[in-house]
Structure formats: structure tokens, C-alpha cells
Amino acid sequence: MIAVVLPTLDTPGPLARVLGELPAEVFAIVVDDGSATPVTGTRPNTHWIRHERNRGYGAAQKSGYAAAIAAGATQVVLLHGDGQYDTRATLALADALTNADAALGSRFLSDPNVIPTWRRLGNRFLTGVANLRFGTAFSELHTGARAFKIEALRDLPMEGYSDDFLFDQQVIVGLVRRGRRIEERPVATNYAAGSRSISFLRSLWYALGCLRVILA
């Protein structure tokens, strides 16, 4: 069974659209990370999780992955509830799990110019540092479109990882250190109104945190 984990924070309109794009047979896990107005919906085959306060992007993923494991999922797809990543292409990442333990949806294999310039340059730099450190050749390690075999997630000490955005990088480093096979596929993105991104200042703190994780 494939479970799709959708973290969301104050994006009810885009979330409704993304849920509407999911095939009916897909089991969706919506994690409302403290939205001002609690998220509700009527979509069948959906599990709703509510954090009463905003605990962070990493904490939302932890709740979603724990629910996927409890539900007996064999594969998990991470899909942002703000509609930033193309739904169909992100779901297709699960196809790569036939030969891999995890799959990343790379914007640089699709249309990198969609990404704002300062984010694109920072992404390139951090991904390049990680590739040098681990002897890999990824095009992007800072994507929010991801898919995992459930055993690869179970093997990670996720509860000890950050509750914030640094969680994503810790997951990648954990997979690489354990020799897990990771594939990349192109995924288009949309930075239209309604999608959420961290501020420039928080991005700087994120970058410093990533460097600590990579070089440790």
C-alpha cells in the first residue's frame, strides 16, 4: 500500500486541490501543523492528523510517517499540501522504488529557472558540498518531493532528528550513511500564490544547519 503524507499549514485552498488530484485508491495522511483554522475535508481514504500548535515541518513529517507505518503502508510519498510540487509527478516517484530505497523529485531535472535565483544558487551550493562529502552526484538534495520504502524510514532514528526544515537533510544523510539506494526523477514546481517557502533569514540558518549535518 502507498501512503501519501501531506504536511499543511494555513493552505486550505491548495490542499483541497491537491487532494482532489489524488486517485481515489491512494491513502492520504493530512498533517495539519497548527493551522489557524483546523483543516477538515470529506475525501474518503484519508487520515487526518492535527497538531494543536505549530511544531515544525520535520515534526509534521514524523507524525505522517508514523501514521503510515501504523497503517501498514509499504511505500510513502511526501507531497506538500500547498501545491508547490506537481501531484502526478510526485506520485510517480513511487515507481522508482522498484529498484531503489528512496526517490527524490528534482526541480533541476525539470525547470530549475522556476526556482527563485537566491534559492537556486543556495540549493546548488549545498547539494555540491554534500556530493563532495559523500561521493554522490545528485542534482538536488533540497526537494520536498520524496518517496521511500517503509523499511528505509523505519531504519532511521527520526525521533532524534530536527522538528524543523533540517529534518529533510538529516533523512538524506541517514539514508546515504546506511548505503541506501536513492534515485532522482524530474518534478515540476509552481511558486504561485498559496505555496509556502521559508524566509531568507530562516534559509540562512537552514544552510548553516545543513553544513553542520553534512560535515559532521
N, C-alpha and C. Protein backbone atom coordinates (compact mmCIF):
# COMPACT_ATOMS: atom_id res chain seq x y z
N MET A 1 0.84 -1.21 0.00
CA MET A 1 0.00 0.00 0.00
C MET A 1 0.87 1.25 0.00
N ILE A 2 0.50 2.22 -0.81
CA ILE A 2 1.19 3.50 -0.85
C ILE A 2 0.41 4.50 -0.01
N ALA A 3 1.12 5.16 0.90
CA ALA A 3 0.53 6.24 1.68
C ALA A 3 1.16 7.56 1.24
N VAL A 4 0.34 8.58 1.09
CA VAL A 4 0.82 9.91 0.72
C VAL A 4 0.69 10.82 1.92
N VAL A 5 1.80 11.33 2.40
CA VAL A 5 1.82 12.22 3.56
C VAL A 5 1.82 13.66 3.06
N LEU A 6 0.84 14.44 3.55
CA LEU A 6 0.68 15.83 3.10
C LEU A 6 0.76 16.77 4.30
N PRO A 7 1.93 17.34 4.59
CA PRO A 7 2.01 18.38 5.63
C PRO A 7 1.34 19.66 5.12
N THR A 8 0.63 20.34 6.00
CA THR A 8 -0.05 21.56 5.57
C THR A 8 -0.09 22.56 6.72
N LEU A 9 -0.03 23.83 6.36
CA LEU A 9 -0.12 24.91 7.34
C LEU A 9 -0.77 26.12 6.67
N ASP A 10 -2.02 26.38 7.01
CA ASP A 10 -2.75 27.55 6.51
C ASP A 10 -2.82 27.63 4.99
N THR A 11 -3.01 26.48 4.32
CA THR A 11 -3.18 26.47 2.86
C THR A 11 -4.41 25.62 2.50
N PRO A 12 -5.60 25.97 2.99
CA PRO A 12 -6.77 25.13 2.75
C PRO A 12 -7.15 25.01 1.28
N GLY A 13 -7.05 26.11 0.52
CA GLY A 13 -7.42 26.06 -0.89
C GLY A 13 -6.52 25.14 -1.70
N PRO A 14 -5.19 25.35 -1.68
CA PRO A 14 -4.30 24.44 -2.40
C PRO A 14 -4.39 23.00 -1.93
N LEU A 15 -4.58 22.80 -0.62
CA LEU A 15 -4.69 21.43 -0.12
C LEU A 15 -5.90 20.73 -0.71
N ALA A 16 -7.03 21.41 -0.78
CA ALA A 16 -8.23 20.81 -1.36
C ALA A 16 -8.00 20.42 -2.82
N ARG A 17 -7.28 21.28 -3.54
CA ARG A 17 -6.98 20.97 -4.94
C ARG A 17 -6.09 19.75 -5.05
N VAL A 18 -5.03 19.69 -4.22
CA VAL A 18 -4.10 18.56 -4.26
C VAL A 18 -4.82 17.26 -3.91
N LEU A 19 -5.65 17.28 -2.88
CA LEU A 19 -6.41 16.08 -2.51
C LEU A 19 -7.33 15.64 -3.64
N GLY A 20 -7.88 16.61 -4.35
CA GLY A 20 -8.75 16.28 -5.48
C GLY A 20 -8.00 15.65 -6.64
N GLU A 21 -6.70 15.88 -6.70
CA GLU A 21 -5.88 15.31 -7.78
C GLU A 21 -5.39 13.91 -7.47
N LEU A 22 -5.55 13.47 -6.23
CA LEU A 22 -5.10 12.12 -5.86
C LEU A 22 -6.10 11.08 -6.34
N PRO A 23 -5.64 9.97 -6.90
CA PRO A 23 -6.55 8.87 -7.24
C PRO A 23 -7.29 8.39 -5.99
N ALA A 24 -8.51 7.94 -6.17
CA ALA A 24 -9.36 7.56 -5.04
C ALA A 24 -8.74 6.44 -4.20
N GLU A 25 -7.96 5.56 -4.86
CA GLU A 25 -7.41 4.42 -4.13
C GLU A 25 -6.19 4.78 -3.27
N VAL A 26 -5.66 5.98 -3.44
CA VAL A 26 -4.48 6.40 -2.68
C VAL A 26 -4.88 6.76 -1.25
N PHE A 27 -4.16 6.20 -0.28
CA PHE A 27 -4.39 6.51 1.12
C PHE A 27 -3.63 7.79 1.47
N ALA A 28 -4.36 8.83 1.83
CA ALA A 28 -3.76 10.13 2.13
C ALA A 28 -3.71 10.35 3.64
N ILE A 29 -2.60 10.92 4.10
CA ILE A 29 -2.44 11.28 5.50
C ILE A 29 -2.16 12.79 5.54
N VAL A 30 -3.14 13.56 5.97
CA VAL A 30 -3.00 15.01 6.06
C VAL A 30 -2.55 15.37 7.46
N VAL A 31 -1.44 16.10 7.55
CA VAL A 31 -0.93 16.53 8.85
C VAL A 31 -1.05 18.06 8.92
N ASP A 32 -2.04 18.50 9.66
CA ASP A 32 -2.27 19.94 9.87
C ASP A 32 -1.37 20.39 11.01
N ASP A 33 -0.31 21.13 10.66
CA ASP A 33 0.68 21.51 11.66
C ASP A 33 0.33 22.85 12.31
N GLY A 34 -0.85 22.89 12.95
CA GLY A 34 -1.23 24.06 13.72
C GLY A 34 -1.81 25.20 12.92
N SER A 35 -2.55 24.91 11.86
CA SER A 35 -3.19 25.97 11.08
C SER A 35 -4.12 26.80 11.96
N ALA A 36 -4.24 28.09 11.63
CA ALA A 36 -5.11 28.97 12.41
C ALA A 36 -6.54 28.45 12.43
N THR A 37 -7.00 27.93 11.29
CA THR A 37 -8.30 27.27 11.19
C THR A 37 -8.05 25.79 10.93
N PRO A 38 -8.48 24.90 11.82
CA PRO A 38 -8.21 23.48 11.63
C PRO A 38 -8.67 22.99 10.25
N VAL A 39 -7.85 22.15 9.66
CA VAL A 39 -8.15 21.60 8.33
C VAL A 39 -9.19 20.50 8.45
N THR A 40 -10.15 20.55 7.58
CA THR A 40 -11.17 19.50 7.51
C THR A 40 -11.38 19.12 6.06
N GLY A 41 -12.01 17.98 5.83
CA GLY A 41 -12.29 17.55 4.47
C GLY A 41 -13.20 16.34 4.47
N THR A 42 -13.68 16.00 3.31
CA THR A 42 -14.61 14.88 3.19
C THR A 42 -14.05 13.77 2.30
N ARG A 43 -12.78 13.88 1.87
CA ARG A 43 -12.23 12.88 0.98
C ARG A 43 -12.18 11.52 1.68
N PRO A 44 -12.73 10.47 1.05
CA PRO A 44 -12.60 9.12 1.62
C PRO A 44 -11.13 8.68 1.60
N ASN A 45 -10.84 7.62 2.32
CA ASN A 45 -9.49 7.04 2.32
C ASN A 45 -8.44 8.05 2.77
N THR A 46 -8.81 8.88 3.75
CA THR A 46 -7.92 9.93 4.23
C THR A 46 -7.87 9.91 5.76
N HIS A 47 -6.66 9.99 6.28
CA HIS A 47 -6.45 10.06 7.73
C HIS A 47 -6.02 11.48 8.07
N TRP A 48 -6.70 12.09 9.03
CA TRP A 48 -6.44 13.48 9.38
C TRP A 48 -5.73 13.57 10.73
N ILE A 49 -4.60 14.28 10.76
CA ILE A 49 -3.84 14.50 11.99
C ILE A 49 -3.77 16.00 12.24
N ARG A 50 -3.99 16.39 13.49
CA ARG A 50 -3.98 17.80 13.85
C ARG A 50 -2.96 18.06 14.96
N HIS A 51 -1.97 18.92 14.70
CA HIS A 51 -1.11 19.45 15.75
C HIS A 51 -1.77 20.73 16.26
N GLU A 52 -2.07 20.78 17.52
CA GLU A 52 -2.77 21.94 18.06
C GLU A 52 -1.93 23.21 18.00
N ARG A 53 -0.63 23.06 17.98
CA ARG A 53 0.26 24.21 17.77
C ARG A 53 1.24 23.86 16.66
N ASN A 54 1.84 24.87 16.08
CA ASN A 54 2.81 24.65 15.00
C ASN A 54 4.09 24.06 15.59
N ARG A 55 4.35 22.81 15.26
CA ARG A 55 5.52 22.11 15.81
C ARG A 55 6.69 22.08 14.84
N GLY A 56 6.45 22.37 13.56
CA GLY A 56 7.54 22.40 12.60
C GLY A 56 7.36 21.38 11.48
N TYR A 57 8.01 21.68 10.35
CA TYR A 57 7.90 20.86 9.15
C TYR A 57 8.40 19.43 9.39
N GLY A 58 9.51 19.31 10.14
CA GLY A 58 10.02 17.98 10.44
C GLY A 58 9.09 17.21 11.34
N ALA A 59 8.50 17.89 12.32
CA ALA A 59 7.55 17.22 13.22
C ALA A 59 6.32 16.74 12.47
N ALA A 60 5.88 17.52 11.48
CA ALA A 60 4.72 17.11 10.67
C ALA A 60 5.04 15.83 9.90
N GLN A 61 6.25 15.75 9.35
CA GLN A 61 6.63 14.54 8.64
C GLN A 61 6.72 13.35 9.59
N LYS A 62 7.28 13.57 10.77
CA LYS A 62 7.37 12.46 11.73
C LYS A 62 5.98 11.89 12.04
N SER A 63 5.01 12.78 12.27
CA SER A 63 3.65 12.32 12.55
C SER A 63 3.07 11.56 11.37
N GLY A 64 3.30 12.07 10.17
CA GLY A 64 2.77 11.43 8.98
C GLY A 64 3.40 10.08 8.72
N TYR A 65 4.72 9.98 8.87
CA TYR A 65 5.39 8.71 8.63
C TYR A 65 5.00 7.67 9.69
N ALA A 66 4.86 8.10 10.93
CA ALA A 66 4.43 7.18 11.98
C ALA A 66 3.04 6.62 11.68
N ALA A 67 2.16 7.48 11.17
CA ALA A 67 0.81 7.03 10.82
C ALA A 67 0.85 6.07 9.63
N ALA A 68 1.74 6.32 8.67
CA ALA A 68 1.87 5.44 7.51
C ALA A 68 2.36 4.06 7.93
N ILE A 69 3.34 4.04 8.84
CA ILE A 69 3.86 2.77 9.34
C ILE A 69 2.76 2.02 10.09
N ALA A 70 2.01 2.73 10.94
CA ALA A 70 0.94 2.10 11.71
C ALA A 70 -0.16 1.55 10.82
N ALA A 71 -0.37 2.19 9.66
CA ALA A 71 -1.43 1.76 8.75
C ALA A 71 -1.00 0.58 7.87
N GLY A 72 0.27 0.21 7.96
CA GLY A 72 0.75 -0.92 7.18
C GLY A 72 1.20 -0.57 5.78
N ALA A 73 1.52 0.69 5.54
CA ALA A 73 1.99 1.10 4.22
C ALA A 73 3.35 0.46 3.91
N THR A 74 3.58 0.15 2.64
CA THR A 74 4.88 -0.38 2.21
C THR A 74 5.72 0.70 1.55
N GLN A 75 5.06 1.76 1.07
CA GLN A 75 5.74 2.88 0.45
C GLN A 75 5.09 4.17 0.92
N VAL A 76 5.90 5.22 1.03
CA VAL A 76 5.40 6.52 1.47
C VAL A 76 5.86 7.59 0.50
N VAL A 77 4.93 8.44 0.09
CA VAL A 77 5.25 9.58 -0.76
C VAL A 77 4.99 10.85 0.04
N LEU A 78 5.96 11.78 0.00
CA LEU A 78 5.79 13.08 0.63
C LEU A 78 5.34 14.08 -0.42
N LEU A 79 4.18 14.71 -0.18
CA LEU A 79 3.61 15.67 -1.13
C LEU A 79 3.15 16.90 -0.36
N HIS A 80 3.70 18.05 -0.68
CA HIS A 80 3.33 19.26 0.05
C HIS A 80 1.87 19.63 -0.17
N GLY A 81 1.23 20.03 0.91
CA GLY A 81 -0.18 20.39 0.84
C GLY A 81 -0.45 21.76 0.24
N ASP A 82 0.61 22.51 -0.08
CA ASP A 82 0.41 23.84 -0.67
C ASP A 82 0.43 23.83 -2.19
N GLY A 83 0.56 22.63 -2.78
CA GLY A 83 0.52 22.52 -4.23
C GLY A 83 1.76 22.95 -4.95
N GLN A 84 2.87 23.13 -4.23
CA GLN A 84 4.09 23.60 -4.88
C GLN A 84 4.66 22.58 -5.86
N TYR A 85 4.53 21.29 -5.52
CA TYR A 85 5.08 20.23 -6.38
C TYR A 85 3.96 19.57 -7.17
N ASP A 86 4.25 19.28 -8.43
CA ASP A 86 3.27 18.65 -9.30
C ASP A 86 2.81 17.32 -8.71
N THR A 87 1.51 17.17 -8.55
CA THR A 87 0.96 16.00 -7.87
C THR A 87 1.26 14.70 -8.62
N ARG A 88 0.99 14.68 -9.92
CA ARG A 88 1.17 13.44 -10.68
C ARG A 88 2.64 13.01 -10.69
N ALA A 89 3.55 13.96 -10.93
CA ALA A 89 4.97 13.62 -10.99
C ALA A 89 5.49 13.17 -9.64
N THR A 90 4.99 13.78 -8.57
CA THR A 90 5.43 13.37 -7.23
C THR A 90 4.95 11.97 -6.91
N LEU A 91 3.70 11.65 -7.23
CA LEU A 91 3.20 10.29 -7.02
C LEU A 91 4.00 9.27 -7.82
N ALA A 92 4.48 9.67 -9.00
CA ALA A 92 5.24 8.75 -9.85
C ALA A 92 6.60 8.40 -9.27
N LEU A 93 7.04 9.14 -8.25
CA LEU A 93 8.30 8.79 -7.61
C LEU A 93 8.24 7.39 -7.02
N ALA A 94 7.06 6.94 -6.66
CA ALA A 94 6.92 5.60 -6.11
C ALA A 94 7.35 4.53 -7.11
N ASP A 95 7.25 4.83 -8.41
CA ASP A 95 7.68 3.87 -9.42
C ASP A 95 9.17 3.57 -9.31
N ALA A 96 9.95 4.55 -8.88
CA ALA A 96 11.40 4.37 -8.77
C ALA A 96 11.76 3.42 -7.63
N LEU A 97 10.83 3.16 -6.72
CA LEU A 97 11.14 2.32 -5.57
C LEU A 97 11.22 0.84 -5.91
N THR A 98 10.95 0.50 -7.15
CA THR A 98 11.15 -0.88 -7.59
C THR A 98 12.62 -1.25 -7.49
N ASN A 99 13.50 -0.28 -7.79
CA ASN A 99 14.94 -0.53 -7.77
C ASN A 99 15.69 0.34 -6.78
N ALA A 100 14.97 1.08 -5.96
CA ALA A 100 15.63 1.99 -5.03
C ALA A 100 14.92 1.98 -3.69
N ASP A 101 15.61 2.50 -2.68
CA ASP A 101 15.03 2.60 -1.34
C ASP A 101 14.34 3.93 -1.13
N ALA A 102 14.75 4.93 -1.91
CA ALA A 102 14.16 6.26 -1.81
C ALA A 102 14.28 6.95 -3.17
N ALA A 103 13.40 7.91 -3.40
CA ALA A 103 13.42 8.66 -4.66
C ALA A 103 13.20 10.13 -4.35
N LEU A 104 13.93 10.98 -5.06
CA LEU A 104 13.83 12.43 -4.89
C LEU A 104 13.32 13.06 -6.17
N GLY A 105 12.38 13.98 -6.04
CA GLY A 105 11.87 14.71 -7.20
C GLY A 105 12.69 15.97 -7.42
N SER A 106 13.54 15.97 -8.42
CA SER A 106 14.46 17.07 -8.64
C SER A 106 13.87 18.15 -9.54
N ARG A 107 13.87 19.38 -9.02
CA ARG A 107 13.46 20.52 -9.84
C ARG A 107 14.52 20.86 -10.89
N PHE A 108 15.76 20.49 -10.63
CA PHE A 108 16.85 20.78 -11.56
C PHE A 108 16.83 19.85 -12.76
N LEU A 109 16.10 18.78 -12.68
CA LEU A 109 15.92 17.90 -13.83
C LEU A 109 14.66 18.27 -14.61
N SER A 110 13.92 19.23 -14.10
CA SER A 110 12.70 19.70 -14.75
C SER A 110 12.93 21.11 -15.30
N ASP A 111 12.69 22.13 -14.51
CA ASP A 111 12.89 23.52 -14.93
C ASP A 111 13.46 24.31 -13.77
N PRO A 112 14.80 24.32 -13.62
CA PRO A 112 15.41 25.00 -12.47
C PRO A 112 15.16 26.49 -12.43
N ASN A 113 14.87 27.10 -13.57
CA ASN A 113 14.67 28.55 -13.61
C ASN A 113 13.39 28.99 -12.91
N VAL A 114 12.52 28.02 -12.60
CA VAL A 114 11.30 28.35 -11.85
C VAL A 114 11.65 28.74 -10.42
N ILE A 115 12.74 28.18 -9.90
CA ILE A 115 13.15 28.45 -8.53
C ILE A 115 13.73 29.85 -8.44
N PRO A 116 13.31 30.67 -7.46
CA PRO A 116 13.90 32.00 -7.29
C PRO A 116 15.43 31.92 -7.24
N THR A 117 16.11 32.93 -7.79
CA THR A 117 17.55 32.87 -8.00
C THR A 117 18.34 32.55 -6.74
N TRP A 118 18.07 33.26 -5.65
CA TRP A 118 18.88 33.03 -4.45
C TRP A 118 18.66 31.65 -3.86
N ARG A 119 17.45 31.12 -4.02
CA ARG A 119 17.20 29.75 -3.55
C ARG A 119 17.92 28.75 -4.46
N ARG A 120 17.90 29.02 -5.75
CA ARG A 120 18.54 28.11 -6.71
C ARG A 120 20.05 28.03 -6.46
N LEU A 121 20.68 29.18 -6.25
CA LEU A 121 22.12 29.20 -6.02
C LEU A 121 22.49 28.52 -4.70
N GLY A 122 21.71 28.78 -3.65
CA GLY A 122 21.97 28.14 -2.37
C GLY A 122 21.79 26.64 -2.45
N ASN A 123 20.76 26.21 -3.18
CA ASN A 123 20.49 24.79 -3.36
C ASN A 123 21.65 24.12 -4.07
N ARG A 124 22.13 24.74 -5.15
CA ARG A 124 23.26 24.20 -5.90
C ARG A 124 24.49 24.07 -5.02
N PHE A 125 24.76 25.10 -4.21
CA PHE A 125 25.95 25.08 -3.36
C PHE A 125 25.88 23.96 -2.33
N LEU A 126 24.75 23.87 -1.61
CA LEU A 126 24.62 22.86 -0.56
C LEU A 126 24.62 21.45 -1.13
N THR A 127 23.96 21.27 -2.28
CA THR A 127 23.96 19.96 -2.92
C THR A 127 25.37 19.59 -3.36
N GLY A 128 26.12 20.58 -3.88
CA GLY A 128 27.50 20.33 -4.31
C GLY A 128 28.40 19.93 -3.16
N VAL A 129 28.24 20.59 -2.01
CA VAL A 129 29.03 20.24 -0.82
C VAL A 129 28.72 18.81 -0.38
N ALA A 130 27.44 18.47 -0.38
CA ALA A 130 27.05 17.11 0.01
C ALA A 130 27.60 16.08 -0.96
N ASN A 131 27.56 16.37 -2.24
CA ASN A 131 28.09 15.43 -3.23
C ASN A 131 29.59 15.20 -3.03
N LEU A 132 30.32 16.27 -2.72
CA LEU A 132 31.76 16.13 -2.46
C LEU A 132 32.01 15.30 -1.20
N ARG A 133 31.19 15.53 -0.19
CA ARG A 133 31.38 14.85 1.10
C ARG A 133 31.08 13.36 1.00
N PHE A 134 30.04 13.01 0.23
CA PHE A 134 29.59 11.62 0.20
C PHE A 134 29.93 10.88 -1.09
N GLY A 135 30.58 11.56 -2.03
CA GLY A 135 30.94 10.90 -3.28
C GLY A 135 29.74 10.56 -4.13
N THR A 136 28.71 11.41 -4.06
CA THR A 136 27.48 11.21 -4.83
C THR A 136 27.40 12.23 -5.98
N ALA A 137 26.35 12.14 -6.77
CA ALA A 137 26.21 13.03 -7.92
C ALA A 137 24.76 13.45 -8.09
N PHE A 138 24.10 13.84 -7.00
CA PHE A 138 22.72 14.26 -7.07
C PHE A 138 22.61 15.65 -7.69
N SER A 139 21.50 15.90 -8.36
CA SER A 139 21.26 17.24 -8.91
C SER A 139 20.61 18.15 -7.88
N GLU A 140 19.87 17.57 -6.93
CA GLU A 140 19.21 18.38 -5.89
C GLU A 140 18.91 17.53 -4.66
N LEU A 141 19.34 18.03 -3.50
CA LEU A 141 19.07 17.32 -2.25
C LEU A 141 18.16 18.12 -1.33
N HIS A 142 17.52 19.16 -1.85
CA HIS A 142 16.70 20.02 -1.01
C HIS A 142 15.29 20.16 -1.58
N THR A 143 14.83 19.04 -2.09
CA THR A 143 13.48 18.98 -2.64
C THR A 143 12.51 18.46 -1.59
N GLY A 144 11.27 18.91 -1.67
CA GLY A 144 10.23 18.43 -0.77
C GLY A 144 9.39 17.33 -1.37
N ALA A 145 9.73 16.89 -2.58
CA ALA A 145 9.02 15.79 -3.23
C ALA A 145 9.87 14.54 -3.06
N ARG A 146 9.37 13.58 -2.30
CA ARG A 146 10.16 12.41 -1.95
C ARG A 146 9.30 11.16 -1.84
N ALA A 147 9.93 10.01 -1.99
CA ALA A 147 9.24 8.74 -1.79
C ALA A 147 10.21 7.77 -1.12
N PHE A 148 9.68 6.90 -0.27
CA PHE A 148 10.52 5.99 0.49
C PHE A 148 9.89 4.61 0.59
N LYS A 149 10.71 3.58 0.59
CA LYS A 149 10.26 2.29 1.07
C LYS A 149 10.13 2.38 2.58
N ILE A 150 9.13 1.74 3.12
CA ILE A 150 8.85 1.89 4.54
C ILE A 150 10.00 1.38 5.40
N GLU A 151 10.71 0.33 4.93
CA GLU A 151 11.81 -0.19 5.75
C GLU A 151 12.97 0.79 5.82
N ALA A 152 13.13 1.62 4.77
CA ALA A 152 14.19 2.63 4.80
C ALA A 152 13.88 3.70 5.85
N LEU A 153 12.62 4.06 5.99
CA LEU A 153 12.24 5.03 7.02
C LEU A 153 12.36 4.43 8.41
N ARG A 154 11.94 3.19 8.56
CA ARG A 154 12.00 2.53 9.87
C ARG A 154 13.44 2.47 10.40
N ASP A 155 14.39 2.39 9.49
CA ASP A 155 15.78 2.23 9.86
C ASP A 155 16.43 3.53 10.33
N LEU A 156 15.71 4.65 10.18
CA LEU A 156 16.27 5.95 10.55
C LEU A 156 15.85 6.35 11.96
N PRO A 157 16.74 6.97 12.74
CA PRO A 157 16.38 7.44 14.09
C PRO A 157 15.65 8.78 14.01
N MET A 158 14.49 8.79 13.37
CA MET A 158 13.81 10.04 13.05
C MET A 158 13.42 10.85 14.28
N GLU A 159 13.09 10.19 15.36
CA GLU A 159 12.66 10.94 16.54
C GLU A 159 13.77 11.84 17.08
N GLY A 160 15.00 11.49 16.78
CA GLY A 160 16.12 12.32 17.20
C GLY A 160 16.47 13.42 16.22
N TYR A 161 15.78 13.45 15.08
CA TYR A 161 16.04 14.46 14.06
C TYR A 161 15.32 15.76 14.41
N SER A 162 15.68 16.81 13.70
CA SER A 162 15.09 18.13 13.92
C SER A 162 13.59 18.12 13.65
N ASP A 163 12.85 18.97 14.36
CA ASP A 163 11.43 19.18 14.08
C ASP A 163 11.23 20.26 13.02
N ASP A 164 12.31 20.87 12.55
CA ASP A 164 12.20 21.95 11.58
C ASP A 164 12.64 21.45 10.20
N PHE A 165 13.00 22.39 9.31
CA PHE A 165 13.32 22.04 7.93
C PHE A 165 14.59 21.21 7.81
N LEU A 166 15.48 21.27 8.80
CA LEU A 166 16.71 20.50 8.75
C LEU A 166 16.43 19.00 8.72
N PHE A 167 15.24 18.61 9.12
CA PHE A 167 14.84 17.19 9.09
C PHE A 167 15.10 16.58 7.73
N ASP A 168 14.76 17.30 6.67
CA ASP A 168 14.92 16.76 5.31
C ASP A 168 16.37 16.35 5.03
N GLN A 169 17.31 17.22 5.40
CA GLN A 169 18.71 16.91 5.15
C GLN A 169 19.19 15.76 6.02
N GLN A 170 18.72 15.68 7.24
CA GLN A 170 19.11 14.59 8.12
C GLN A 170 18.64 13.25 7.58
N VAL A 171 17.46 13.23 6.98
CA VAL A 171 16.96 12.00 6.36
C VAL A 171 17.87 11.56 5.22
N ILE A 172 18.26 12.49 4.37
CA ILE A 172 19.14 12.16 3.24
C ILE A 172 20.47 11.62 3.74
N VAL A 173 21.07 12.32 4.69
CA VAL A 173 22.37 11.89 5.22
C VAL A 173 22.23 10.51 5.87
N GLY A 174 21.13 10.28 6.59
CA GLY A 174 20.90 8.98 7.21
C GLY A 174 20.81 7.87 6.18
N LEU A 175 20.12 8.13 5.08
CA LEU A 175 19.99 7.12 4.03
C LEU A 175 21.33 6.84 3.37
N VAL A 176 22.10 7.89 3.08
CA VAL A 176 23.39 7.73 2.42
C VAL A 176 24.35 6.96 3.32
N ARG A 177 24.37 7.28 4.60
CA ARG A 177 25.29 6.61 5.53
C ARG A 177 24.96 5.14 5.68
N ARG A 178 23.69 4.78 5.47
CA ARG A 178 23.29 3.38 5.59
C ARG A 178 23.38 2.64 4.27
N GLY A 179 23.91 3.29 3.26
CA GLY A 179 24.09 2.63 1.96
C GLY A 179 22.81 2.43 1.19
N ARG A 180 21.77 3.19 1.51
CA ARG A 180 20.50 3.05 0.79
C ARG A 180 20.61 3.63 -0.62
N ARG A 181 19.97 2.99 -1.55
CA ARG A 181 19.99 3.48 -2.93
C ARG A 181 18.93 4.55 -3.12
N ILE A 182 19.36 5.68 -3.67
CA ILE A 182 18.46 6.82 -3.90
C ILE A 182 18.47 7.18 -5.38
N GLU A 183 17.30 7.28 -5.97
CA GLU A 183 17.18 7.70 -7.36
C GLU A 183 16.53 9.08 -7.45
N GLU A 184 16.75 9.74 -8.59
CA GLU A 184 16.14 11.05 -8.84
C GLU A 184 15.23 10.97 -10.06
N ARG A 185 14.16 11.72 -10.01
CA ARG A 185 13.26 11.87 -11.13
C ARG A 185 12.87 13.35 -11.25
N PRO A 186 12.58 13.84 -12.46
CA PRO A 186 12.17 15.25 -12.59
C PRO A 186 10.78 15.49 -12.03
N VAL A 187 10.63 16.58 -11.31
CA VAL A 187 9.34 17.01 -10.78
C VAL A 187 9.21 18.52 -10.97
N ALA A 188 8.13 18.94 -11.60
CA ALA A 188 7.91 20.37 -11.83
C ALA A 188 7.36 21.02 -10.57
N THR A 189 7.62 22.32 -10.43
CA THR A 189 7.13 23.06 -9.27
C THR A 189 6.39 24.31 -9.71
N ASN A 190 5.60 24.85 -8.77
CA ASN A 190 4.81 26.04 -9.04
C ASN A 190 4.89 26.95 -7.81
N TYR A 191 5.50 28.12 -7.97
CA TYR A 191 5.63 29.06 -6.86
C TYR A 191 4.52 30.11 -6.89
N ALA A 192 3.35 29.71 -7.31
CA ALA A 192 2.22 30.63 -7.38
C ALA A 192 1.74 30.98 -5.98
N ALA A 193 0.83 31.93 -5.93
CA ALA A 193 0.27 32.34 -4.64
C ALA A 193 -0.37 31.14 -3.95
N GLY A 194 -0.12 31.02 -2.65
CA GLY A 194 -0.66 29.90 -1.89
C GLY A 194 0.41 28.93 -1.47
N SER A 195 1.52 28.83 -2.24
CA SER A 195 2.61 27.95 -1.83
C SER A 195 3.42 28.63 -0.74
N ARG A 196 4.03 27.82 0.12
CA ARG A 196 4.75 28.36 1.27
C ARG A 196 6.24 28.08 1.12
N SER A 197 7.07 29.07 1.50
CA SER A 197 8.51 28.91 1.50
C SER A 197 9.06 29.66 2.70
N ILE A 198 10.21 29.20 3.20
CA ILE A 198 10.79 29.87 4.35
C ILE A 198 11.46 31.17 3.91
N SER A 199 11.61 32.09 4.85
CA SER A 199 12.17 33.41 4.57
C SER A 199 13.66 33.31 4.29
N PHE A 200 14.24 34.42 3.81
CA PHE A 200 15.67 34.46 3.52
C PHE A 200 16.48 34.21 4.78
N LEU A 201 16.09 34.83 5.90
CA LEU A 201 16.84 34.66 7.14
C LEU A 201 16.79 33.21 7.62
N ARG A 202 15.60 32.61 7.58
CA ARG A 202 15.49 31.21 8.00
C ARG A 202 16.25 30.29 7.04
N SER A 203 16.33 30.69 5.78
CA SER A 203 17.09 29.91 4.80
C SER A 203 18.58 29.91 5.16
N LEU A 204 19.08 31.06 5.65
CA LEU A 204 20.48 31.13 6.06
C LEU A 204 20.75 30.19 7.23
N TRP A 205 19.86 30.19 8.22
CA TRP A 205 20.03 29.28 9.35
C TRP A 205 19.93 27.83 8.90
N TYR A 206 19.02 27.57 7.96
CA TYR A 206 18.88 26.22 7.40
C TYR A 206 20.18 25.80 6.72
N ALA A 207 20.77 26.72 5.93
CA ALA A 207 22.01 26.40 5.21
C ALA A 207 23.14 26.07 6.18
N LEU A 208 23.27 26.84 7.25
CA LEU A 208 24.30 26.57 8.25
C LEU A 208 24.06 25.22 8.93
N GLY A 209 22.80 24.93 9.21
CA GLY A 209 22.47 23.64 9.80
C GLY A 209 22.80 22.48 8.87
N CYS A 210 22.51 22.67 7.58
CA CYS A 210 22.82 21.63 6.59
C CYS A 210 24.31 21.36 6.53
N LEU A 211 25.12 22.42 6.56
CA LEU A 211 26.57 22.26 6.52
C LEU A 211 27.06 21.49 7.74
N ARG A 212 26.48 21.75 8.91
CA ARG A 212 26.87 21.01 10.11
C ARG A 212 26.53 19.53 9.96
N VAL A 213 25.34 19.24 9.43
CA VAL A 213 24.93 17.85 9.27
C VAL A 213 25.82 17.14 8.24
N ILE A 214 26.11 17.81 7.13
CA ILE A 214 26.90 17.20 6.05
C ILE A 214 28.33 16.93 6.50
N LEU A 215 28.91 17.90 7.21
CA LEU A 215 30.32 17.79 7.54
C LEU A 215 30.59 17.03 8.83
N ALA A 216 29.55 16.79 9.62
CA ALA A 216 29.76 16.09 10.90
C ALA A 216 30.25 14.67 10.69
